[in-house]
Amino acid sequence: MDEPEAALSPSRQLAFLKILHDLTGDGDSQFIIATHSPILMGYPNSVILNFDDGRIDEVDYEMTDHYQITKYFLENRDRLLSDLLKKD
């Protein structure tokens, strides 16, 4: 699947995780998903592959750029927006 989150709100992404869980529960199914969503990447026991810099590397969830940027934004929203939007 290619970026299924593009049409899904965060709550629908969570519902999608439940669907994935139900479909993979018997061990007969697996999915390859290209995503930028920290919600979808957070699926338990998923293998996350990073395709940056011309290499393919497995990466821990908490080490993905998307997780780190989202976490930083949520924890430092005012500061980040102030720095980002200040006039030069």
PDB file of N, CA and C in Angstrom:
ATOM      1  N   MET A   1       0.852  -1.173   0.000  1.00  0.00           N
ATOM      2  CA  MET A   1       0.000   0.000   0.000  1.00  0.00           C
ATOM      3  C   MET A   1       0.893   1.230   0.000  1.00  0.00           C
ATOM      4  N   ASP A   2       0.492   2.219  -0.746  1.00  0.00           N
ATOM      5  CA  ASP A   2       1.270   3.441  -0.825  1.00  0.00           C
ATOM      6  C   ASP A   2       0.547   4.567  -0.095  1.00  0.00           C
ATOM      7  N   GLU A   3       1.095   4.966   1.017  1.00  0.00           N
ATOM      8  CA  GLU A   3       0.606   6.073   1.832  1.00  0.00           C
ATOM      9  C   GLU A   3      -0.910   6.055   2.051  1.00  0.00           C
ATOM     10  N   PRO A   4      -1.427   5.009   2.675  1.00  0.00           N
ATOM     11  CA  PRO A   4      -2.878   4.958   2.921  1.00  0.00           C
ATOM     12  C   PRO A   4      -3.349   6.082   3.836  1.00  0.00           C
ATOM     13  N   GLU A   5      -2.448   6.672   4.604  1.00  0.00           N
ATOM     14  CA  GLU A   5      -2.835   7.745   5.520  1.00  0.00           C
ATOM     15  C   GLU A   5      -3.235   9.015   4.796  1.00  0.00           C
ATOM     16  N   ALA A   6      -2.892   9.128   3.510  1.00  0.00           N
ATOM     17  CA  ALA A   6      -3.183  10.358   2.769  1.00  0.00           C
ATOM     18  C   ALA A   6      -4.671  10.721   2.821  1.00  0.00           C
ATOM     19  N   ALA A   7      -5.526   9.752   2.881  1.00  0.00           N
ATOM     20  CA  ALA A   7      -6.966  10.023   2.910  1.00  0.00           C
ATOM     21  C   ALA A   7      -7.586   9.757   4.277  1.00  0.00           C
ATOM     22  N   LEU A   8      -6.749   9.550   5.296  1.00  0.00           N
ATOM     23  CA  LEU A   8      -7.282   9.152   6.603  1.00  0.00           C
ATOM     24  C   LEU A   8      -6.939  10.163   7.688  1.00  0.00           C
ATOM     25  N   SER A   9      -7.922  10.542   8.479  1.00  0.00           N
ATOM     26  CA  SER A   9      -7.678  11.359   9.661  1.00  0.00           C
ATOM     27  C   SER A   9      -6.929  10.506  10.687  1.00  0.00           C
ATOM     28  N   PRO A  10      -6.359  11.129  11.715  1.00  0.00           N
ATOM     29  CA  PRO A  10      -5.692  10.324  12.746  1.00  0.00           C
ATOM     30  C   PRO A  10      -6.600   9.252  13.372  1.00  0.00           C
ATOM     31  N   SER A  11      -7.867   9.575  13.612  1.00  0.00           N
ATOM     32  CA  SER A  11      -8.755   8.565  14.201  1.00  0.00           C
ATOM     33  C   SER A  11      -9.011   7.428  13.217  1.00  0.00           C
ATOM     34  N   ARG A  12      -9.087   7.734  11.938  1.00  0.00           N
ATOM     35  CA  ARG A  12      -9.273   6.685  10.929  1.00  0.00           C
ATOM     36  C   ARG A  12      -8.003   5.861  10.749  1.00  0.00           C
ATOM     37  N   GLN A  13      -6.843   6.471  10.970  1.00  0.00           N
ATOM     38  CA  GLN A  13      -5.603   5.703  10.939  1.00  0.00           C
ATOM     39  C   GLN A  13      -5.590   4.666  12.053  1.00  0.00           C
ATOM     40  N   LEU A  14      -6.102   5.046  13.215  1.00  0.00           N
ATOM     41  CA  LEU A  14      -6.201   4.082  14.321  1.00  0.00           C
ATOM     42  C   LEU A  14      -7.163   2.956  13.966  1.00  0.00           C
ATOM     43  N   ALA A  15      -8.274   3.298  13.334  1.00  0.00           N
ATOM     44  CA  ALA A  15      -9.216   2.267  12.889  1.00  0.00           C
ATOM     45  C   ALA A  15      -8.553   1.353  11.859  1.00  0.00           C
ATOM     46  N   PHE A  16      -7.727   1.924  11.001  1.00  0.00           N
ATOM     47  CA  PHE A  16      -7.004   1.145  10.002  1.00  0.00           C
ATOM     48  C   PHE A  16      -6.034   0.169  10.673  1.00  0.00           C
ATOM     49  N   LEU A  17      -5.388   0.598  11.768  1.00  0.00           N
ATOM     50  CA  LEU A  17      -4.511  -0.308  12.519  1.00  0.00           C
ATOM     51  C   LEU A  17      -5.284  -1.512  13.030  1.00  0.00           C
ATOM     52  N   LYS A  18      -6.507  -1.297  13.475  1.00  0.00           N
ATOM     53  CA  LYS A  18      -7.341  -2.402  13.948  1.00  0.00           C
ATOM     54  C   LYS A  18      -7.664  -3.360  12.803  1.00  0.00           C
ATOM     55  N   ILE A  19      -7.942  -2.816  11.635  1.00  0.00           N
ATOM     56  CA  ILE A  19      -8.211  -3.654  10.464  1.00  0.00           C
ATOM     57  C   ILE A  19      -6.976  -4.479  10.118  1.00  0.00           C
ATOM     58  N   LEU A  20      -5.805  -3.850  10.112  1.00  0.00           N
ATOM     59  CA  LEU A  20      -4.562  -4.589   9.850  1.00  0.00           C
ATOM     60  C   LEU A  20      -4.379  -5.714  10.861  1.00  0.00           C
ATOM     61  N   HIS A  21      -4.633  -5.405  12.114  1.00  0.00           N
ATOM     62  CA  HIS A  21      -4.501  -6.400  13.177  1.00  0.00           C
ATOM     63  C   HIS A  21      -5.440  -7.581  12.942  1.00  0.00           C
ATOM     64  N   ASP A  22      -6.671  -7.283  12.594  1.00  0.00           N
ATOM     65  CA  ASP A  22      -7.646  -8.353  12.337  1.00  0.00           C
ATOM     66  C   ASP A  22      -7.234  -9.199  11.136  1.00  0.00           C
ATOM     67  N   LEU A  23      -6.694  -8.564  10.103  1.00  0.00           N
ATOM     68  CA  LEU A  23      -6.322  -9.294   8.887  1.00  0.00           C
ATOM     69  C   LEU A  23      -5.041 -10.113   9.051  1.00  0.00           C
ATOM     70  N   THR A  24      -4.176  -9.720   9.969  1.00  0.00           N
ATOM     71  CA  THR A  24      -2.907 -10.439  10.149  1.00  0.00           C
ATOM     72  C   THR A  24      -2.933 -11.385  11.341  1.00  0.00           C
ATOM     73  N   GLY A  25      -4.030 -11.422  12.053  1.00  0.00           N
ATOM     74  CA  GLY A  25      -4.121 -12.214  13.272  1.00  0.00           C
ATOM     75  C   GLY A  25      -3.863 -13.693  13.110  1.00  0.00           C
ATOM     76  N   ASP A  26      -4.221 -14.268  11.975  1.00  0.00           N
ATOM     77  CA  ASP A  26      -4.020 -15.701  11.779  1.00  0.00           C
ATOM     78  C   ASP A  26      -2.631 -16.039  11.238  1.00  0.00           C
ATOM     79  N   GLY A  27      -1.831 -15.019  10.963  1.00  0.00           N
ATOM     80  CA  GLY A  27      -0.471 -15.250  10.479  1.00  0.00           C
ATOM     81  C   GLY A  27      -0.369 -15.550   8.999  1.00  0.00           C
ATOM     82  N   ASP A  28      -1.484 -15.526   8.282  1.00  0.00           N
ATOM     83  CA  ASP A  28      -1.474 -15.819   6.849  1.00  0.00           C
ATOM     84  C   ASP A  28      -1.342 -14.584   5.975  1.00  0.00           C
ATOM     85  N   SER A  29      -1.331 -13.399   6.576  1.00  0.00           N
ATOM     86  CA  SER A  29      -1.271 -12.158   5.803  1.00  0.00           C
ATOM     87  C   SER A  29      -0.148 -11.274   6.313  1.00  0.00           C
ATOM     88  N   GLN A  30       0.397 -10.514   5.396  1.00  0.00           N
ATOM     89  CA  GLN A  30       1.346  -9.481   5.761  1.00  0.00           C
ATOM     90  C   GLN A  30       1.156  -8.317   4.796  1.00  0.00           C
ATOM     91  N   PHE A  31       1.606  -7.144   5.211  1.00  0.00           N
ATOM     92  CA  PHE A  31       1.429  -5.953   4.392  1.00  0.00           C
ATOM     93  C   PHE A  31       2.757  -5.229   4.267  1.00  0.00           C
ATOM     94  N   ILE A  32       2.981  -4.665   3.099  1.00  0.00           N
ATOM     95  CA  ILE A  32       4.086  -3.742   2.870  1.00  0.00           C
ATOM     96  C   ILE A  32       3.431  -2.389   2.639  1.00  0.00           C
ATOM     97  N   ILE A  33       3.759  -1.442   3.503  1.00  0.00           N
ATOM     98  CA  ILE A  33       3.105  -0.139   3.464  1.00  0.00           C
ATOM     99  C   ILE A  33       4.168   0.953   3.408  1.00  0.00           C
ATOM    100  N   ALA A  34       4.086   1.796   2.396  1.00  0.00           N
ATOM    101  CA  ALA A  34       4.916   2.996   2.340  1.00  0.00           C
ATOM    102  C   ALA A  34       4.136   4.103   3.038  1.00  0.00           C
ATOM    103  N   THR A  35       4.729   4.683   4.088  1.00  0.00           N
ATOM    104  CA  THR A  35       3.994   5.678   4.878  1.00  0.00           C
ATOM    105  C   THR A  35       4.948   6.681   5.506  1.00  0.00           C
ATOM    106  N   HIS A  36       4.407   7.858   5.784  1.00  0.00           N
ATOM    107  CA  HIS A  36       5.096   8.861   6.589  1.00  0.00           C
ATOM    108  C   HIS A  36       4.390   9.019   7.931  1.00  0.00           C
ATOM    109  N   SER A  37       3.380   8.226   8.182  1.00  0.00           N
ATOM    110  CA  SER A  37       2.547   8.376   9.372  1.00  0.00           C
ATOM    111  C   SER A  37       3.180   7.719  10.594  1.00  0.00           C
ATOM    112  N   PRO A  38       3.474   8.508  11.635  1.00  0.00           N
ATOM    113  CA  PRO A  38       3.964   7.903  12.870  1.00  0.00           C
ATOM    114  C   PRO A  38       2.935   6.976  13.507  1.00  0.00           C
ATOM    115  N   ILE A  39       1.658   7.211  13.228  1.00  0.00           N
ATOM    116  CA  ILE A  39       0.621   6.329  13.764  1.00  0.00           C
ATOM    117  C   ILE A  39       0.732   4.956  13.119  1.00  0.00           C
ATOM    118  N   LEU A  40       0.784   4.904  11.803  1.00  0.00           N
ATOM    119  CA  LEU A  40       0.865   3.611  11.113  1.00  0.00           C
ATOM    120  C   LEU A  40       2.195   2.916  11.375  1.00  0.00           C
ATOM    121  N   MET A  41       3.273   3.691  11.446  1.00  0.00           N
ATOM    122  CA  MET A  41       4.579   3.076  11.737  1.00  0.00           C
ATOM    123  C   MET A  41       4.626   2.477  13.136  1.00  0.00           C
ATOM    124  N   GLY A  42       3.715   2.916  14.006  1.00  0.00           N
ATOM    125  CA  GLY A  42       3.710   2.436  15.378  1.00  0.00           C
ATOM    126  C   GLY A  42       3.057   1.082  15.571  1.00  0.00           C
ATOM    127  N   TYR A  43       2.626   0.454  14.485  1.00  0.00           N
ATOM    128  CA  TYR A  43       1.988  -0.861  14.602  1.00  0.00           C
ATOM    129  C   TYR A  43       2.944  -1.832  15.306  1.00  0.00           C
ATOM    130  N   PRO A  44       2.455  -2.601  16.283  1.00  0.00           N
ATOM    131  CA  PRO A  44       3.324  -3.499  17.054  1.00  0.00           C
ATOM    132  C   PRO A  44       4.080  -4.501  16.173  1.00  0.00           C
ATOM    133  N   ASN A  45       5.332  -4.669  16.478  1.00  0.00           N
ATOM    134  CA  ASN A  45       6.220  -5.634  15.817  1.00  0.00           C
ATOM    135  C   ASN A  45       6.426  -5.377  14.327  1.00  0.00           C
ATOM    136  N   SER A  46       6.152  -4.161  13.890  1.00  0.00           N
ATOM    137  CA  SER A  46       6.387  -3.863  12.477  1.00  0.00           C
ATOM    138  C   SER A  46       7.888  -3.704  12.240  1.00  0.00           C
ATOM    139  N   VAL A  47       8.292  -3.981  11.027  1.00  0.00           N
ATOM    140  CA  VAL A  47       9.669  -3.761  10.600  1.00  0.00           C
ATOM    141  C   VAL A  47       9.651  -2.479   9.783  1.00  0.00           C
ATOM    142  N   ILE A  48      10.417  -1.487  10.223  1.00  0.00           N
ATOM    143  CA  ILE A  48      10.444  -0.199   9.539  1.00  0.00           C
ATOM    144  C   ILE A  48      11.754  -0.099   8.769  1.00  0.00           C
ATOM    145  N   LEU A  49      11.626   0.121   7.476  1.00  0.00           N
ATOM    146  CA  LEU A  49      12.787   0.259   6.610  1.00  0.00           C
ATOM    147  C   LEU A  49      12.891   1.698   6.142  1.00  0.00           C
ATOM    148  N   ASN A  50      14.095   2.236   6.223  1.00  0.00           N
ATOM    149  CA  ASN A  50      14.384   3.595   5.813  1.00  0.00           C
ATOM    150  C   ASN A  50      15.148   3.531   4.491  1.00  0.00           C
ATOM    151  N   PHE A  51      14.702   4.279   3.504  1.00  0.00           N
ATOM    152  CA  PHE A  51      15.296   4.251   2.169  1.00  0.00           C
ATOM    153  C   PHE A  51      16.111   5.513   1.869  1.00  0.00           C
ATOM    154  N   ASP A  52      16.606   6.195   2.880  1.00  0.00           N
ATOM    155  CA  ASP A  52      17.371   7.427   2.671  1.00  0.00           C
ATOM    156  C   ASP A  52      18.816   7.136   2.284  1.00  0.00           C
ATOM    157  N   ASP A  53      19.433   8.110   1.660  1.00  0.00           N
ATOM    158  CA  ASP A  53      20.861   8.087   1.325  1.00  0.00           C
ATOM    159  C   ASP A  53      21.262   6.897   0.452  1.00  0.00           C
ATOM    160  N   GLY A  54      20.356   6.434  -0.395  1.00  0.00           N
ATOM    161  CA  GLY A  54      20.686   5.356  -1.321  1.00  0.00           C
ATOM    162  C   GLY A  54      20.881   3.997  -0.678  1.00  0.00           C
ATOM    163  N   ARG A  55      20.468   3.857   0.583  1.00  0.00           N
ATOM    164  CA  ARG A  55      20.589   2.576   1.291  1.00  0.00           C
ATOM    165  C   ARG A  55      19.229   2.200   1.852  1.00  0.00           C
ATOM    166  N   ILE A  56      19.098   0.929   2.194  1.00  0.00           N
ATOM    167  CA  ILE A  56      17.901   0.447   2.888  1.00  0.00           C
ATOM    168  C   ILE A  56      18.360  -0.062   4.248  1.00  0.00           C
ATOM    169  N   ASP A  57      17.880   0.592   5.297  1.00  0.00           N
ATOM    170  CA  ASP A  57      18.263   0.228   6.663  1.00  0.00           C
ATOM    171  C   ASP A  57      17.017   0.025   7.514  1.00  0.00           C
ATOM    172  N   GLU A  58      17.061  -0.977   8.389  1.00  0.00           N
ATOM    173  CA  GLU A  58      16.006  -1.129   9.375  1.00  0.00           C
ATOM    174  C   GLU A  58      16.237  -0.091  10.466  1.00  0.00           C
ATOM    175  N   VAL A  59      15.162   0.516  10.915  1.00  0.00           N
ATOM    176  CA  VAL A  59      15.270   1.584  11.907  1.00  0.00           C
ATOM    177  C   VAL A  59      14.207   1.367  12.990  1.00  0.00           C
ATOM    178  N   ASP A  60      14.558   1.696  14.225  1.00  0.00           N
ATOM    179  CA  ASP A  60      13.605   1.632  15.329  1.00  0.00           C
ATOM    180  C   ASP A  60      12.569   2.749  15.178  1.00  0.00           C
ATOM    181  N   TYR A  61      11.374   2.475  15.605  1.00  0.00           N
ATOM    182  CA  TYR A  61      10.262   3.424  15.494  1.00  0.00           C
ATOM    183  C   TYR A  61      10.636   4.802  16.032  1.00  0.00           C
ATOM    184  N   GLU A  62      11.187   4.836  17.232  1.00  0.00           N
ATOM    185  CA  GLU A  62      11.511   6.110  17.875  1.00  0.00           C
ATOM    186  C   GLU A  62      12.639   6.852  17.181  1.00  0.00           C
ATOM    187  N   MET A  63      13.345   6.194  16.282  1.00  0.00           N
ATOM    188  CA  MET A  63      14.452   6.829  15.566  1.00  0.00           C
ATOM    189  C   MET A  63      14.029   7.366  14.194  1.00  0.00           C
ATOM    190  N   THR A  64      12.787   7.161  13.799  1.00  0.00           N
ATOM    191  CA  THR A  64      12.338   7.683  12.503  1.00  0.00           C
ATOM    192  C   THR A  64      12.190   9.199  12.589  1.00  0.00           C
ATOM    193  N   ASP A  65      12.491   9.877  11.498  1.00  0.00           N
ATOM    194  CA  ASP A  65      12.315  11.328  11.446  1.00  0.00           C
ATOM    195  C   ASP A  65      10.876  11.715  11.742  1.00  0.00           C
ATOM    196  N   HIS A  66       9.938  10.944  11.212  1.00  0.00           N
ATOM    197  CA  HIS A  66       8.529  11.289  11.361  1.00  0.00           C
ATOM    198  C   HIS A  66       8.084  11.218  12.818  1.00  0.00           C
ATOM    199  N   TYR A  67       8.555  10.231  13.547  1.00  0.00           N
ATOM    200  CA  TYR A  67       8.255  10.135  14.975  1.00  0.00           C
ATOM    201  C   TYR A  67       8.894  11.304  15.721  1.00  0.00           C
ATOM    202  N   GLN A  68      10.174  11.545  15.462  1.00  0.00           N
ATOM    203  CA  GLN A  68      10.900  12.577  16.202  1.00  0.00           C
ATOM    204  C   GLN A  68      10.345  13.975  15.941  1.00  0.00           C
ATOM    205  N   ILE A  69      10.025  14.273  14.696  1.00  0.00           N
ATOM    206  CA  ILE A  69       9.467  15.588  14.374  1.00  0.00           C
ATOM    207  C   ILE A  69       8.086  15.759  14.994  1.00  0.00           C
ATOM    208  N   THR A  70       7.247  14.751  14.891  1.00  0.00           N
ATOM    209  CA  THR A  70       5.906  14.829  15.473  1.00  0.00           C
ATOM    210  C   THR A  70       5.985  14.976  16.989  1.00  0.00           C
ATOM    211  N   LYS A  71       6.833  14.195  17.626  1.00  0.00           N
ATOM    212  CA  LYS A  71       7.000  14.277  19.078  1.00  0.00           C
ATOM    213  C   LYS A  71       7.486  15.669  19.486  1.00  0.00           C
ATOM    214  N   TYR A  72       8.487  16.169  18.772  1.00  0.00           N
ATOM    215  CA  TYR A  72       9.014  17.496  19.097  1.00  0.00           C
ATOM    216  C   TYR A  72       7.937  18.561  18.933  1.00  0.00           C
ATOM    217  N   PHE A  73       7.177  18.474  17.845  1.00  0.00           N
ATOM    218  CA  PHE A  73       6.104  19.450  17.626  1.00  0.00           C
ATOM    219  C   PHE A  73       5.079  19.405  18.759  1.00  0.00           C
ATOM    220  N   LEU A  74       4.635  18.212  19.122  1.00  0.00           N
ATOM    221  CA  LEU A  74       3.618  18.091  20.165  1.00  0.00           C
ATOM    222  C   LEU A  74       4.116  18.566  21.526  1.00  0.00           C
ATOM    223  N   GLU A  75       5.388  18.367  21.795  1.00  0.00           N
ATOM    224  CA  GLU A  75       5.942  18.760  23.094  1.00  0.00           C
ATOM    225  C   GLU A  75       6.422  20.212  23.134  1.00  0.00           C
ATOM    226  N   ASN A  76       6.629  20.819  21.969  1.00  0.00           N
ATOM    227  CA  ASN A  76       7.222  22.160  21.912  1.00  0.00           C
ATOM    228  C   ASN A  76       6.531  23.041  20.878  1.00  0.00           C
ATOM    229  N   ARG A  77       5.242  22.903  20.758  1.00  0.00           N
ATOM    230  CA  ARG A  77       4.506  23.570  19.693  1.00  0.00           C
ATOM    231  C   ARG A  77       4.752  25.075  19.645  1.00  0.00           C
ATOM    232  N   ASP A  78       4.568  25.759  20.761  1.00  0.00           N
ATOM    233  CA  ASP A  78       4.700  27.215  20.767  1.00  0.00           C
ATOM    234  C   ASP A  78       6.104  27.654  20.359  1.00  0.00           C
ATOM    235  N   ARG A  79       7.103  27.024  20.928  1.00  0.00           N
ATOM    236  CA  ARG A  79       8.491  27.381  20.616  1.00  0.00           C
ATOM    237  C   ARG A  79       8.826  27.098  19.155  1.00  0.00           C
ATOM    238  N   LEU A  80       8.429  25.935  18.674  1.00  0.00           N
ATOM    239  CA  LEU A  80       8.725  25.577  17.299  1.00  0.00           C
ATOM    240  C   LEU A  80       8.047  26.530  16.326  1.00  0.00           C
ATOM    241  N   LEU A  81       6.773  26.822  16.549  1.00  0.00           N
ATOM    242  CA  LEU A  81       6.073  27.741  15.654  1.00  0.00           C
ATOM    243  C   LEU A  81       6.643  29.149  15.724  1.00  0.00           C
ATOM    244  N   SER A  82       7.026  29.586  16.903  1.00  0.00           N
ATOM    245  CA  SER A  82       7.635  30.892  17.049  1.00  0.00           C
ATOM    246  C   SER A  82       8.931  30.975  16.245  1.00  0.00           C
ATOM    247  N   ASP A  83       9.772  29.973  16.369  1.00  0.00           N
ATOM    248  CA  ASP A  83      11.029  29.976  15.613  1.00  0.00           C
ATOM    249  C   ASP A  83      10.776  29.847  14.110  1.00  0.00           C
ATOM    250  N   LEU A  84       9.857  29.002  13.738  1.00  0.00           N
ATOM    251  CA  LEU A  84       9.584  28.747  12.332  1.00  0.00           C
ATOM    252  C   LEU A  84       8.978  29.949  11.636  1.00  0.00           C
ATOM    253  N   LEU A  85       8.103  30.667  12.316  1.00  0.00           N
ATOM    254  CA  LEU A  85       7.347  31.735  11.687  1.00  0.00           C
ATOM    255  C   LEU A  85       7.878  33.134  11.962  1.00  0.00           C
ATOM    256  N   LYS A  86       8.959  33.256  12.712  1.00  0.00           N
ATOM    257  CA  LYS A  86       9.476  34.594  13.007  1.00  0.00           C
ATOM    258  C   LYS A  86      10.043  35.230  11.739  1.00  0.00           C
ATOM    259  N   LYS A  87       9.955  36.530  11.712  1.00  0.00           N
ATOM    260  CA  LYS A  87      10.458  37.269  10.556  1.00  0.00           C
ATOM    261  C   LYS A  87      11.970  37.371  10.637  1.00  0.00           C
ATOM    262  N   ASP A  88      12.598  37.217   9.495  1.00  0.00           N
ATOM    263  CA  ASP A  88      14.075  37.288   9.450  1.00  0.00           C
ATOM    264  C   ASP A  88      14.566  38.711   9.511  1.00  0.00           C
TER     265      ASP A  88
END
